[in-house]
Amino acid sequence: MIVKEIVNETVLPLAEAKEMLQLTRDEVKKRTEGEVEEEEEVRYERRKATEHTAKFAKLGAEKSRALINDLLKLEKMKEEIAVRIADLLPKSKNEVRAVYAKERFTITEANIDEILDCIVKYE
């Protein structure tokens, strides 16, 4: 697939990506035959992306976004990490530590407990 231009780049949780892919698939069905032929190249990638999001998205789009917003209020939280946590929904302290493994700072036990408390609210 050849990318012509990057219009916008944001971090999305899997649930929102799933919703966007679903909308896109429905729009493709509504197009005329000439436009659908142009869409043939993307069909395989879109199908694989849809399968992936359906398999791994654990929350709905609204719940996922609400969890991310709650996590962003916490200390030492970046948007990328909040999205990763919303996608993975870690259950233990070790899983939360694994999410923070590449960061240049260490996370305290109190911060881990706050993160796990936020996750419990949305499960």
PDB file of N, CA and C in Angstrom:
ATOM      1  N   MET A   1       0.849  -1.172   0.000  1.00  0.00           N
ATOM      2  CA  MET A   1       0.000   0.000   0.000  1.00  0.00           C
ATOM      3  C   MET A   1       0.895   1.236   0.000  1.00  0.00           C
ATOM      4  N   ILE A   2       0.640   2.151  -0.879  1.00  0.00           N
ATOM      5  CA  ILE A   2       1.428   3.360  -1.008  1.00  0.00           C
ATOM      6  C   ILE A   2       0.705   4.494  -0.288  1.00  0.00           C
ATOM      7  N   VAL A   3       1.415   5.142   0.622  1.00  0.00           N
ATOM      8  CA  VAL A   3       0.845   6.261   1.359  1.00  0.00           C
ATOM      9  C   VAL A   3       1.149   7.531   0.585  1.00  0.00           C
ATOM     10  N   LYS A   4       0.107   8.254   0.208  1.00  0.00           N
ATOM     11  CA  LYS A   4       0.301   9.470  -0.566  1.00  0.00           C
ATOM     12  C   LYS A   4       0.653  10.639   0.323  1.00  0.00           C
ATOM     13  N   GLU A   5      -0.047  10.761   1.441  1.00  0.00           N
ATOM     14  CA  GLU A   5       0.150  11.914   2.305  1.00  0.00           C
ATOM     15  C   GLU A   5      -0.389  11.593   3.696  1.00  0.00           C
ATOM     16  N   ILE A   6       0.340  11.978   4.716  1.00  0.00           N
ATOM     17  CA  ILE A   6      -0.151  11.832   6.081  1.00  0.00           C
ATOM     18  C   ILE A   6      -0.864  13.126   6.430  1.00  0.00           C
ATOM     19  N   VAL A   7      -2.158  13.018   6.680  1.00  0.00           N
ATOM     20  CA  VAL A   7      -2.970  14.189   6.960  1.00  0.00           C
ATOM     21  C   VAL A   7      -2.940  14.515   8.451  1.00  0.00           C
ATOM     22  N   ASN A   8      -3.049  13.476   9.278  1.00  0.00           N
ATOM     23  CA  ASN A   8      -3.132  13.665  10.715  1.00  0.00           C
ATOM     24  C   ASN A   8      -2.564  12.430  11.394  1.00  0.00           C
ATOM     25  N   GLU A   9      -1.886  12.620  12.491  1.00  0.00           N
ATOM     26  CA  GLU A   9      -1.321  11.491  13.214  1.00  0.00           C
ATOM     27  C   GLU A   9      -1.667  11.628  14.686  1.00  0.00           C
ATOM     28  N   THR A  10      -2.450  10.687  15.198  1.00  0.00           N
ATOM     29  CA  THR A  10      -2.823  10.670  16.607  1.00  0.00           C
ATOM     30  C   THR A  10      -2.763   9.240  17.121  1.00  0.00           C
ATOM     31  N   VAL A  11      -2.689   9.115  18.419  1.00  0.00           N
ATOM     32  CA  VAL A  11      -2.689   7.808  19.053  1.00  0.00           C
ATOM     33  C   VAL A  11      -4.144   7.455  19.344  1.00  0.00           C
ATOM     34  N   LEU A  12      -4.574   6.287  18.874  1.00  0.00           N
ATOM     35  CA  LEU A  12      -5.956   5.847  19.069  1.00  0.00           C
ATOM     36  C   LEU A  12      -5.990   4.541  19.844  1.00  0.00           C
ATOM     37  N   PRO A  13      -6.935   4.413  20.742  1.00  0.00           N
ATOM     38  CA  PRO A  13      -7.129   3.098  21.358  1.00  0.00           C
ATOM     39  C   PRO A  13      -7.748   2.139  20.337  1.00  0.00           C
ATOM     40  N   LEU A  14      -7.563   0.857  20.537  1.00  0.00           N
ATOM     41  CA  LEU A  14      -8.090  -0.138  19.607  1.00  0.00           C
ATOM     42  C   LEU A  14      -9.596  -0.017  19.429  1.00  0.00           C
ATOM     43  N   ALA A  15     -10.314   0.315  20.492  1.00  0.00           N
ATOM     44  CA  ALA A  15     -11.774   0.405  20.408  1.00  0.00           C
ATOM     45  C   ALA A  15     -12.202   1.494  19.429  1.00  0.00           C
ATOM     46  N   GLU A  16     -11.520   2.627  19.434  1.00  0.00           N
ATOM     47  CA  GLU A  16     -11.849   3.701  18.503  1.00  0.00           C
ATOM     48  C   GLU A  16     -11.445   3.332  17.082  1.00  0.00           C
ATOM     49  N   ALA A  17     -10.321   2.648  16.930  1.00  0.00           N
ATOM     50  CA  ALA A  17      -9.900   2.198  15.603  1.00  0.00           C
ATOM     51  C   ALA A  17     -10.912   1.202  15.044  1.00  0.00           C
ATOM     52  N   LYS A  18     -11.410   0.331  15.906  1.00  0.00           N
ATOM     53  CA  LYS A  18     -12.421  -0.642  15.485  1.00  0.00           C
ATOM     54  C   LYS A  18     -13.667   0.071  14.982  1.00  0.00           C
ATOM     55  N   GLU A  19     -14.092   1.083  15.708  1.00  0.00           N
ATOM     56  CA  GLU A  19     -15.268   1.849  15.314  1.00  0.00           C
ATOM     57  C   GLU A  19     -15.033   2.558  13.970  1.00  0.00           C
ATOM     58  N   MET A  20     -13.862   3.135  13.788  1.00  0.00           N
ATOM     59  CA  MET A  20     -13.540   3.820  12.529  1.00  0.00           C
ATOM     60  C   MET A  20     -13.495   2.844  11.355  1.00  0.00           C
ATOM     61  N   LEU A  21     -12.904   1.684  11.568  1.00  0.00           N
ATOM     62  CA  LEU A  21     -12.847   0.683  10.502  1.00  0.00           C
ATOM     63  C   LEU A  21     -14.236   0.188  10.137  1.00  0.00           C
ATOM     64  N   GLN A  22     -15.095   0.036  11.123  1.00  0.00           N
ATOM     65  CA  GLN A  22     -16.463  -0.403  10.870  1.00  0.00           C
ATOM     66  C   GLN A  22     -17.198   0.634  10.027  1.00  0.00           C
ATOM     67  N   LEU A  23     -17.054   1.904  10.363  1.00  0.00           N
ATOM     68  CA  LEU A  23     -17.686   2.966   9.590  1.00  0.00           C
ATOM     69  C   LEU A  23     -17.156   2.980   8.165  1.00  0.00           C
ATOM     70  N   THR A  24     -15.862   2.828   8.017  1.00  0.00           N
ATOM     71  CA  THR A  24     -15.252   2.846   6.691  1.00  0.00           C
ATOM     72  C   THR A  24     -15.771   1.688   5.850  1.00  0.00           C
ATOM     73  N   ARG A  25     -15.906   0.509   6.435  1.00  0.00           N
ATOM     74  CA  ARG A  25     -16.394  -0.655   5.696  1.00  0.00           C
ATOM     75  C   ARG A  25     -17.823  -0.431   5.217  1.00  0.00           C
ATOM     76  N   ASP A  26     -18.662   0.151   6.067  1.00  0.00           N
ATOM     77  CA  ASP A  26     -20.040   0.434   5.690  1.00  0.00           C
ATOM     78  C   ASP A  26     -20.109   1.467   4.574  1.00  0.00           C
ATOM     79  N   GLU A  27     -19.214   2.459   4.610  1.00  0.00           N
ATOM     80  CA  GLU A  27     -19.179   3.465   3.558  1.00  0.00           C
ATOM     81  C   GLU A  27     -18.766   2.858   2.225  1.00  0.00           C
ATOM     82  N   VAL A  28     -17.839   1.909   2.258  1.00  0.00           N
ATOM     83  CA  VAL A  28     -17.377   1.265   1.026  1.00  0.00           C
ATOM     84  C   VAL A  28     -18.529   0.506   0.370  1.00  0.00           C
ATOM     85  N   LYS A  29     -19.374  -0.128   1.155  1.00  0.00           N
ATOM     86  CA  LYS A  29     -20.503  -0.875   0.605  1.00  0.00           C
ATOM     87  C   LYS A  29     -21.482   0.038  -0.120  1.00  0.00           C
ATOM     88  N   LYS A  30     -21.552   1.301   0.290  1.00  0.00           N
ATOM     89  CA  LYS A  30     -22.504   2.232  -0.296  1.00  0.00           C
ATOM     90  C   LYS A  30     -21.999   2.862  -1.597  1.00  0.00           C
ATOM     91  N   ARG A  31     -20.720   2.707  -1.922  1.00  0.00           N
ATOM     92  CA  ARG A  31     -20.134   3.345  -3.097  1.00  0.00           C
ATOM     93  C   ARG A  31     -20.588   2.676  -4.385  1.00  0.00           C
ATOM     94  N   THR A  32     -20.385   3.376  -5.479  1.00  0.00           N
ATOM     95  CA  THR A  32     -20.709   2.811  -6.793  1.00  0.00           C
ATOM     96  C   THR A  32     -19.653   1.803  -7.190  1.00  0.00           C
ATOM     97  N   GLU A  33     -19.926   1.025  -8.229  1.00  0.00           N
ATOM     98  CA  GLU A  33     -19.012  -0.031  -8.660  1.00  0.00           C
ATOM     99  C   GLU A  33     -17.630   0.497  -9.045  1.00  0.00           C
ATOM    100  N   GLY A  34     -17.556   1.623  -9.738  1.00  0.00           N
ATOM    101  CA  GLY A  34     -16.273   2.177 -10.162  1.00  0.00           C
ATOM    102  C   GLY A  34     -15.382   2.517  -8.980  1.00  0.00           C
ATOM    103  N   GLU A  35     -15.966   3.053  -7.921  1.00  0.00           N
ATOM    104  CA  GLU A  35     -15.180   3.425  -6.742  1.00  0.00           C
ATOM    105  C   GLU A  35     -14.771   2.192  -5.945  1.00  0.00           C
ATOM    106  N   VAL A  36     -15.608   1.165  -5.940  1.00  0.00           N
ATOM    107  CA  VAL A  36     -15.286  -0.049  -5.198  1.00  0.00           C
ATOM    108  C   VAL A  36     -14.093  -0.753  -5.826  1.00  0.00           C
ATOM    109  N   GLU A  37     -13.968  -0.731  -7.160  1.00  0.00           N
ATOM    110  CA  GLU A  37     -12.812  -1.345  -7.811  1.00  0.00           C
ATOM    111  C   GLU A  37     -11.514  -0.690  -7.353  1.00  0.00           C
ATOM    112  N   GLU A  38     -11.532   0.608  -7.159  1.00  0.00           N
ATOM    113  CA  GLU A  38     -10.359   1.330  -6.684  1.00  0.00           C
ATOM    114  C   GLU A  38     -10.000   0.900  -5.261  1.00  0.00           C
ATOM    115  N   GLU A  39     -10.984   0.468  -4.505  1.00  0.00           N
ATOM    116  CA  GLU A  39     -10.806   0.090  -3.107  1.00  0.00           C
ATOM    117  C   GLU A  39     -10.298  -1.344  -2.951  1.00  0.00           C
ATOM    118  N   GLU A  40     -10.202  -2.119  -4.052  1.00  0.00           N
ATOM    119  CA  GLU A  40      -9.782  -3.512  -3.988  1.00  0.00           C
ATOM    120  C   GLU A  40      -8.410  -3.688  -3.347  1.00  0.00           C
ATOM    121  N   GLU A  41      -7.465  -2.787  -3.581  1.00  0.00           N
ATOM    122  CA  GLU A  41      -6.119  -2.905  -3.042  1.00  0.00           C
ATOM    123  C   GLU A  41      -6.103  -2.879  -1.523  1.00  0.00           C
ATOM    124  N   VAL A  42      -6.999  -2.152  -0.932  1.00  0.00           N
ATOM    125  CA  VAL A  42      -7.004  -1.962   0.505  1.00  0.00           C
ATOM    126  C   VAL A  42      -7.778  -3.064   1.221  1.00  0.00           C
ATOM    127  N   ARG A  43      -8.544  -3.816   0.508  1.00  0.00           N
ATOM    128  CA  ARG A  43      -9.444  -4.791   1.120  1.00  0.00           C
ATOM    129  C   ARG A  43      -8.722  -5.749   2.077  1.00  0.00           C
ATOM    130  N   TYR A  44      -7.597  -6.311   1.686  1.00  0.00           N
ATOM    131  CA  TYR A  44      -6.871  -7.259   2.529  1.00  0.00           C
ATOM    132  C   TYR A  44      -6.391  -6.583   3.821  1.00  0.00           C
ATOM    133  N   GLU A  45      -5.766  -5.411   3.705  1.00  0.00           N
ATOM    134  CA  GLU A  45      -5.256  -4.708   4.878  1.00  0.00           C
ATOM    135  C   GLU A  45      -6.386  -4.317   5.819  1.00  0.00           C
ATOM    136  N   ARG A  46      -7.469  -3.822   5.235  1.00  0.00           N
ATOM    137  CA  ARG A  46      -8.611  -3.411   6.057  1.00  0.00           C
ATOM    138  C   ARG A  46      -9.211  -4.614   6.779  1.00  0.00           C
ATOM    139  N   ARG A  47      -9.304  -5.740   6.069  1.00  0.00           N
ATOM    140  CA  ARG A  47      -9.871  -6.947   6.689  1.00  0.00           C
ATOM    141  C   ARG A  47      -8.994  -7.407   7.847  1.00  0.00           C
ATOM    142  N   LYS A  48      -7.682  -7.406   7.654  1.00  0.00           N
ATOM    143  CA  LYS A  48      -6.773  -7.819   8.724  1.00  0.00           C
ATOM    144  C   LYS A  48      -6.839  -6.858   9.915  1.00  0.00           C
ATOM    145  N   ALA A  49      -6.899  -5.561   9.626  1.00  0.00           N
ATOM    146  CA  ALA A  49      -6.990  -4.575  10.703  1.00  0.00           C
ATOM    147  C   ALA A  49      -8.298  -4.729  11.467  1.00  0.00           C
ATOM    148  N   THR A  50      -9.382  -4.991  10.754  1.00  0.00           N
ATOM    149  CA  THR A  50     -10.683  -5.184  11.406  1.00  0.00           C
ATOM    150  C   THR A  50     -10.673  -6.426  12.283  1.00  0.00           C
ATOM    151  N   GLU A  51     -10.087  -7.507  11.783  1.00  0.00           N
ATOM    152  CA  GLU A  51      -9.981  -8.735  12.581  1.00  0.00           C
ATOM    153  C   GLU A  51      -9.167  -8.493  13.848  1.00  0.00           C
ATOM    154  N   HIS A  52      -8.065  -7.778  13.713  1.00  0.00           N
ATOM    155  CA  HIS A  52      -7.195  -7.504  14.856  1.00  0.00           C
ATOM    156  C   HIS A  52      -7.929  -6.684  15.923  1.00  0.00           C
ATOM    157  N   THR A  53      -8.596  -5.630  15.494  1.00  0.00           N
ATOM    158  CA  THR A  53      -9.295  -4.788  16.468  1.00  0.00           C
ATOM    159  C   THR A  53     -10.459  -5.531  17.112  1.00  0.00           C
ATOM    160  N   ALA A  54     -11.151  -6.353  16.354  1.00  0.00           N
ATOM    161  CA  ALA A  54     -12.269  -7.117  16.923  1.00  0.00           C
ATOM    162  C   ALA A  54     -11.767  -8.125  17.958  1.00  0.00           C
ATOM    163  N   LYS A  55     -10.606  -8.682  17.694  1.00  0.00           N
ATOM    164  CA  LYS A  55     -10.061  -9.703  18.593  1.00  0.00           C
ATOM    165  C   LYS A  55      -9.503  -9.101  19.887  1.00  0.00           C
ATOM    166  N   PHE A  56      -8.853  -7.938  19.799  1.00  0.00           N
ATOM    167  CA  PHE A  56      -8.115  -7.428  20.936  1.00  0.00           C
ATOM    168  C   PHE A  56      -8.736  -6.220  21.639  1.00  0.00           C
ATOM    169  N   ALA A  57      -9.722  -5.568  21.064  1.00  0.00           N
ATOM    170  CA  ALA A  57     -10.363  -4.432  21.738  1.00  0.00           C
ATOM    171  C   ALA A  57     -11.235  -4.975  22.867  1.00  0.00           C
ATOM    172  N   LYS A  58     -10.928  -4.580  24.083  1.00  0.00           N
ATOM    173  CA  LYS A  58     -11.617  -5.124  25.252  1.00  0.00           C
ATOM    174  C   LYS A  58     -12.753  -4.229  25.742  1.00  0.00           C
ATOM    175  N   LEU A  59     -12.658  -2.936  25.489  1.00  0.00           N
ATOM    176  CA  LEU A  59     -13.693  -1.991  25.905  1.00  0.00           C
ATOM    177  C   LEU A  59     -14.336  -1.364  24.679  1.00  0.00           C
ATOM    178  N   GLY A  60     -15.463  -0.708  24.901  1.00  0.00           N
ATOM    179  CA  GLY A  60     -16.068   0.079  23.830  1.00  0.00           C
ATOM    180  C   GLY A  60     -15.323   1.385  23.667  1.00  0.00           C
ATOM    181  N   ALA A  61     -15.613   2.096  22.595  1.00  0.00           N
ATOM    182  CA  ALA A  61     -14.897   3.339  22.292  1.00  0.00           C
ATOM    183  C   ALA A  61     -15.121   4.398  23.366  1.00  0.00           C
ATOM    184  N   GLU A  62     -16.347   4.531  23.840  1.00  0.00           N
ATOM    185  CA  GLU A  62     -16.646   5.559  24.854  1.00  0.00           C
ATOM    186  C   GLU A  62     -15.975   5.231  26.188  1.00  0.00           C
ATOM    187  N   LYS A  63     -16.061   3.976  26.618  1.00  0.00           N
ATOM    188  CA  LYS A  63     -15.419   3.581  27.872  1.00  0.00           C
ATOM    189  C   LYS A  63     -13.905   3.720  27.778  1.00  0.00           C
ATOM    190  N   SER A  64     -13.375   3.354  26.649  1.00  0.00           N
ATOM    191  CA  SER A  64     -11.931   3.444  26.444  1.00  0.00           C
ATOM    192  C   SER A  64     -11.465   4.896  26.531  1.00  0.00           C
ATOM    193  N   ARG A  65     -12.175   5.809  25.884  1.00  0.00           N
ATOM    194  CA  ARG A  65     -11.807   7.229  25.916  1.00  0.00           C
ATOM    195  C   ARG A  65     -11.965   7.784  27.329  1.00  0.00           C
ATOM    196  N   ALA A  66     -13.011   7.377  28.056  1.00  0.00           N
ATOM    197  CA  ALA A  66     -13.201   7.842  29.428  1.00  0.00           C
ATOM    198  C   ALA A  66     -12.072   7.359  30.331  1.00  0.00           C
ATOM    199  N   LEU A  67     -11.653   6.107  30.160  1.00  0.00           N
ATOM    200  CA  LEU A  67     -10.530   5.573  30.941  1.00  0.00           C
ATOM    201  C   LEU A  67      -9.253   6.346  30.638  1.00  0.00           C
ATOM    202  N   ILE A  68      -9.008   6.634  29.377  1.00  0.00           N
ATOM    203  CA  ILE A  68      -7.815   7.397  28.994  1.00  0.00           C
ATOM    204  C   ILE A  68      -7.837   8.776  29.637  1.00  0.00           C
ATOM    205  N   ASN A  69      -8.987   9.437  29.616  1.00  0.00           N
ATOM    206  CA  ASN A  69      -9.095  10.763  30.230  1.00  0.00           C
ATOM    207  C   ASN A  69      -8.829  10.703  31.726  1.00  0.00           C
ATOM    208  N   ASP A  70      -9.333   9.662  32.412  1.00  0.00           N
ATOM    209  CA  ASP A  70      -9.055   9.502  33.844  1.00  0.00           C
ATOM    210  C   ASP A  70      -7.572   9.232  34.091  1.00  0.00           C
ATOM    211  N   LEU A  71      -6.974   8.408  33.254  1.00  0.00           N
ATOM    212  CA  LEU A  71      -5.557   8.093  33.426  1.00  0.00           C
ATOM    213  C   LEU A  71      -4.677   9.315  33.192  1.00  0.00           C
ATOM    214  N   LEU A  72      -5.067  10.172  32.271  1.00  0.00           N
ATOM    215  CA  LEU A  72      -4.261  11.369  31.971  1.00  0.00           C
ATOM    216  C   LEU A  72      -4.220  12.344  33.143  1.00  0.00           C
ATOM    217  N   LYS A  73      -5.152  12.227  34.065  1.00  0.00           N
ATOM    218  CA  LYS A  73      -5.159  13.084  35.248  1.00  0.00           C
ATOM    219  C   LYS A  73      -4.120  12.636  36.278  1.00  0.00           C
ATOM    220  N   LEU A  74      -3.622  11.411  36.124  1.00  0.00           N
ATOM    221  CA  LEU A  74      -2.667  10.873  37.092  1.00  0.00           C
ATOM    222  C   LEU A  74      -1.261  11.399  36.824  1.00  0.00           C
ATOM    223  N   GLU A  75      -0.427  11.258  37.836  1.00  0.00           N
ATOM    224  CA  GLU A  75       0.961  11.695  37.761  1.00  0.00           C
ATOM    225  C   GLU A  75       1.773  10.768  36.846  1.00  0.00           C
ATOM    226  N   LYS A  76       2.738  11.337  36.113  1.00  0.00           N
ATOM    227  CA  LYS A  76       3.637  10.594  35.226  1.00  0.00           C
ATOM    228  C   LYS A  76       2.872   9.789  34.167  1.00  0.00           C
ATOM    229  N   MET A  77       1.852  10.410  33.580  1.00  0.00           N
ATOM    230  CA  MET A  77       1.067   9.717  32.571  1.00  0.00           C
ATOM    231  C   MET A  77       1.116  10.484  31.256  1.00  0.00           C
ATOM    232  N   LYS A  78       1.548   9.806  30.216  1.00  0.00           N
ATOM    233  CA  LYS A  78       1.554  10.362  28.866  1.00  0.00           C
ATOM    234  C   LYS A  78       0.370   9.762  28.113  1.00  0.00           C
ATOM    235  N   GLU A  79      -0.028  10.432  27.051  1.00  0.00           N
ATOM    236  CA  GLU A  79      -1.168   9.934  26.278  1.00  0.00           C
ATOM    237  C   GLU A  79      -0.878   8.553  25.680  1.00  0.00           C
ATOM    238  N   GLU A  80       0.332   8.327  25.195  1.00  0.00           N
ATOM    239  CA  GLU A  80       0.683   7.044  24.603  1.00  0.00           C
ATOM    240  C   GLU A  80       0.568   5.909  25.622  1.00  0.00           C
ATOM    241  N   ILE A  81       1.001   6.184  26.848  1.00  0.00           N
ATOM    242  CA  ILE A  81       0.928   5.165  27.900  1.00  0.00           C
ATOM    243  C   ILE A  81      -0.522   4.926  28.296  1.00  0.00           C
ATOM    244  N   ALA A  82      -1.307   5.992  28.392  1.00  0.00           N
ATOM    245  CA  ALA A  82      -2.723   5.855  28.755  1.00  0.00           C
ATOM    246  C   ALA A  82      -3.464   5.014  27.713  1.00  0.00           C
ATOM    247  N   VAL A  83      -3.168   5.240  26.446  1.00  0.00           N
ATOM    248  CA  VAL A  83      -3.810   4.456  25.384  1.00  0.00           C
ATOM    249  C   VAL A  83      -3.379   2.997  25.471  1.00  0.00           C
ATOM    250  N   ARG A  84      -2.090   2.771  25.711  1.00  0.00           N
ATOM    251  CA  ARG A  84      -1.589   1.401  25.846  1.00  0.00           C
ATOM    252  C   ARG A  84      -2.260   0.685  27.017  1.00  0.00           C
ATOM    253  N   ILE A  85      -2.430   1.387  28.133  1.00  0.00           N
ATOM    254  CA  ILE A  85      -3.090   0.791  29.296  1.00  0.00           C
ATOM    255  C   ILE A  85      -4.551   0.503  28.980  1.00  0.00           C
ATOM    256  N   ALA A  86      -5.233   1.421  28.283  1.00  0.00           N
ATOM    257  CA  ALA A  86      -6.640   1.206  27.925  1.00  0.00           C
ATOM    258  C   ALA A  86      -6.793   0.018  26.976  1.00  0.00           C
ATOM    259  N   ASP A  87      -5.805  -0.209  26.118  1.00  0.00           N
ATOM    260  CA  ASP A  87      -5.866  -1.350  25.205  1.00  0.00           C
ATOM    261  C   ASP A  87      -5.586  -2.668  25.915  1.00  0.00           C
ATOM    262  N   LEU A  88      -4.607  -2.659  26.808  1.00  0.00           N
ATOM    263  CA  LEU A  88      -4.181  -3.895  27.464  1.00  0.00           C
ATOM    264  C   LEU A  88      -4.988  -4.243  28.706  1.00  0.00           C
ATOM    265  N   LEU A  89      -5.482  -3.240  29.410  1.00  0.00           N
ATOM    266  CA  LEU A  89      -6.185  -3.408  30.689  1.00  0.00           C
ATOM    267  C   LEU A  89      -5.407  -4.340  31.624  1.00  0.00           C
ATOM    268  N   PRO A  90      -4.232  -3.911  32.067  1.00  0.00           N
ATOM    269  CA  PRO A  90      -3.430  -4.760  32.954  1.00  0.00           C
ATOM    270  C   PRO A  90      -4.157  -5.046  34.265  1.00  0.00           C
ATOM    271  N   LYS A  91      -3.973  -6.255  34.751  1.00  0.00           N
ATOM    272  CA  LYS A  91      -4.650  -6.687  35.973  1.00  0.00           C
ATOM    273  C   LYS A  91      -3.741  -6.686  37.201  1.00  0.00           C
ATOM    274  N   SER A  92      -2.438  -6.729  36.989  1.00  0.00           N
ATOM    275  CA  SER A  92      -1.516  -6.821  38.119  1.00  0.00           C
ATOM    276  C   SER A  92      -0.489  -5.692  38.063  1.00  0.00           C
ATOM    277  N   LYS A  93       0.203  -5.542  39.166  1.00  0.00           N
ATOM    278  CA  LYS A  93       1.243  -4.513  39.258  1.00  0.00           C
ATOM    279  C   LYS A  93       2.378  -4.790  38.271  1.00  0.00           C
ATOM    280  N   ASN A  94       2.719  -6.048  38.091  1.00  0.00           N
ATOM    281  CA  ASN A  94       3.797  -6.402  37.166  1.00  0.00           C
ATOM    282  C   ASN A  94       3.437  -6.051  35.724  1.00  0.00           C
ATOM    283  N   GLU A  95       2.173  -6.212  35.373  1.00  0.00           N
ATOM    284  CA  GLU A  95       1.746  -5.853  34.017  1.00  0.00           C
ATOM    285  C   GLU A  95       1.829  -4.344  33.812  1.00  0.00           C
ATOM    286  N   VAL A  96       1.496  -3.559  34.831  1.00  0.00           N
ATOM    287  CA  VAL A  96       1.613  -2.106  34.732  1.00  0.00           C
ATOM    288  C   VAL A  96       3.086  -1.713  34.622  1.00  0.00           C
ATOM    289  N   ARG A  97       3.929  -2.351  35.393  1.00  0.00           N
ATOM    290  CA  ARG A  97       5.367  -2.081  35.311  1.00  0.00           C
ATOM    291  C   ARG A  97       5.896  -2.386  33.909  1.00  0.00           C
ATOM    292  N   ALA A  98       5.387  -3.442  33.300  1.00  0.00           N
ATOM    293  CA  ALA A  98       5.816  -3.804  31.948  1.00  0.00           C
ATOM    294  C   ALA A  98       5.462  -2.708  30.941  1.00  0.00           C
ATOM    295  N   VAL A  99       4.327  -2.054  31.130  1.00  0.00           N
ATOM    296  CA  VAL A  99       3.922  -0.957  30.245  1.00  0.00           C
ATOM    297  C   VAL A  99       4.909   0.203  30.373  1.00  0.00           C
ATOM    298  N   TYR A 100       5.391   0.432  31.588  1.00  0.00           N
ATOM    299  CA  TYR A 100       6.323   1.533  31.859  1.00  0.00           C
ATOM    300  C   TYR A 100       7.789   1.133  31.676  1.00  0.00           C
ATOM    301  N   ALA A 101       8.064  -0.052  31.195  1.00  0.00           N
ATOM    302  CA  ALA A 101       9.437  -0.566  31.142  1.00  0.00           C
ATOM    303  C   ALA A 101      10.372   0.297  30.290  1.00  0.00           C
ATOM    304  N   LYS A 102       9.893   0.889  29.225  1.00  0.00           N
ATOM    305  CA  LYS A 102      10.761   1.668  28.339  1.00  0.00           C
ATOM    306  C   LYS A 102      10.907   3.123  28.764  1.00  0.00           C
ATOM    307  N   GLU A 103      10.210   3.536  29.769  1.00  0.00           N
ATOM    308  CA  GLU A 103      10.269   4.932  30.203  1.00  0.00           C
ATOM    309  C   GLU A 103      11.547   5.190  30.990  1.00  0.00           C
ATOM    310  N   ARG A 104      11.953   6.444  31.035  1.00  0.00           N
ATOM    311  CA  ARG A 104      13.193   6.816  31.715  1.00  0.00           C
ATOM    312  C   ARG A 104      13.007   7.041  33.205  1.00  0.00           C
ATOM    313  N   PHE A 105      11.819   6.879  33.695  1.00  0.00           N
ATOM    314  CA  PHE A 105      11.565   7.061  35.117  1.00  0.00           C
ATOM    315  C   PHE A 105      10.908   5.803  35.670  1.00  0.00           C
ATOM    316  N   THR A 106      10.992   5.646  36.976  1.00  0.00           N
ATOM    317  CA  THR A 106      10.334   4.507  37.612  1.00  0.00           C
ATOM    318  C   THR A 106       9.012   4.966  38.194  1.00  0.00           C
ATOM    319  N   ILE A 107       8.101   4.076  38.245  1.00  0.00           N
ATOM    320  CA  ILE A 107       6.768   4.383  38.758  1.00  0.00           C
ATOM    321  C   ILE A 107       6.651   3.825  40.174  1.00  0.00           C
ATOM    322  N   THR A 108       6.012   4.576  41.054  1.00  0.00           N
ATOM    323  CA  THR A 108       5.889   4.158  42.451  1.00  0.00           C
ATOM    324  C   THR A 108       4.717   3.200  42.621  1.00  0.00           C
ATOM    325  N   GLU A 109       4.730   2.520  43.742  1.00  0.00           N
ATOM    326  CA  GLU A 109       3.641   1.591  44.072  1.00  0.00           C
ATOM    327  C   GLU A 109       2.305   2.328  44.172  1.00  0.00           C
ATOM    328  N   ALA A 110       2.336   3.542  44.720  1.00  0.00           N
ATOM    329  CA  ALA A 110       1.101   4.326  44.850  1.00  0.00           C
ATOM    330  C   ALA A 110       0.527   4.664  43.472  1.00  0.00           C
ATOM    331  N   ASN A 111       1.397   5.023  42.530  1.00  0.00           N
ATOM    332  CA  ASN A 111       0.938   5.318  41.173  1.00  0.00           C
ATOM    333  C   ASN A 111       0.359   4.077  40.494  1.00  0.00           C
ATOM    334  N   ILE A 112       0.989   2.948  40.705  1.00  0.00           N
ATOM    335  CA  ILE A 112       0.490   1.697  40.130  1.00  0.00           C
ATOM    336  C   ILE A 112      -0.889   1.383  40.689  1.00  0.00           C
ATOM    337  N   ASP A 113      -1.058   1.563  41.993  1.00  0.00           N
ATOM    338  CA  ASP A 113      -2.367   1.309  42.608  1.00  0.00           C
ATOM    339  C   ASP A 113      -3.441   2.239  42.052  1.00  0.00           C
ATOM    340  N   GLU A 114      -3.095   3.510  41.822  1.00  0.00           N
ATOM    341  CA  GLU A 114      -4.051   4.457  41.240  1.00  0.00           C
ATOM    342  C   GLU A 114      -4.452   4.019  39.833  1.00  0.00           C
ATOM    343  N   ILE A 115      -3.497   3.556  39.058  1.00  0.00           N
ATOM    344  CA  ILE A 115      -3.781   3.087  37.698  1.00  0.00           C
ATOM    345  C   ILE A 115      -4.706   1.889  37.735  1.00  0.00           C
ATOM    346  N   LEU A 116      -4.406   0.933  38.599  1.00  0.00           N
ATOM    347  CA  LEU A 116      -5.246  -0.264  38.706  1.00  0.00           C
ATOM    348  C   LEU A 116      -6.652   0.078  39.195  1.00  0.00           C
ATOM    349  N   ASP A 117      -6.778   1.068  40.095  1.00  0.00           N
ATOM    350  CA  ASP A 117      -8.094   1.518  40.557  1.00  0.00           C
ATOM    351  C   ASP A 117      -8.906   2.122  39.412  1.00  0.00           C
ATOM    352  N   CYS A 118      -8.251   2.899  38.556  1.00  0.00           N
ATOM    353  CA  CYS A 118      -8.936   3.480  37.389  1.00  0.00           C
ATOM    354  C   CYS A 118      -9.428   2.374  36.457  1.00  0.00           C
ATOM    355  N   ILE A 119      -8.603   1.358  36.246  1.00  0.00           N
ATOM    356  CA  ILE A 119      -8.971   0.267  35.339  1.00  0.00           C
ATOM    357  C   ILE A 119     -10.177  -0.489  35.876  1.00  0.00           C
ATOM    358  N   VAL A 120     -10.199  -0.729  37.180  1.00  0.00           N
ATOM    359  CA  VAL A 120     -11.307  -1.480  37.788  1.00  0.00           C
ATOM    360  C   VAL A 120     -12.641  -0.769  37.562  1.00  0.00           C
ATOM    361  N   LYS A 121     -12.637   0.563  37.581  1.00  0.00           N
ATOM    362  CA  LYS A 121     -13.875   1.328  37.390  1.00  0.00           C
ATOM    363  C   LYS A 121     -14.503   1.085  36.020  1.00  0.00           C
ATOM    364  N   TYR A 122     -13.697   0.756  35.025  1.00  0.00           N
ATOM    365  CA  TYR A 122     -14.200   0.660  33.653  1.00  0.00           C
ATOM    366  C   TYR A 122     -14.351  -0.754  33.136  1.00  0.00           C
ATOM    367  N   GLU A 123     -14.045  -1.754  33.937  1.00  0.00           N
ATOM    368  CA  GLU A 123     -14.200  -3.142  33.486  1.00  0.00           C
ATOM    369  C   GLU A 123     -15.620  -3.606  33.645  1.00  0.00           C
TER     370      GLU A 123
END
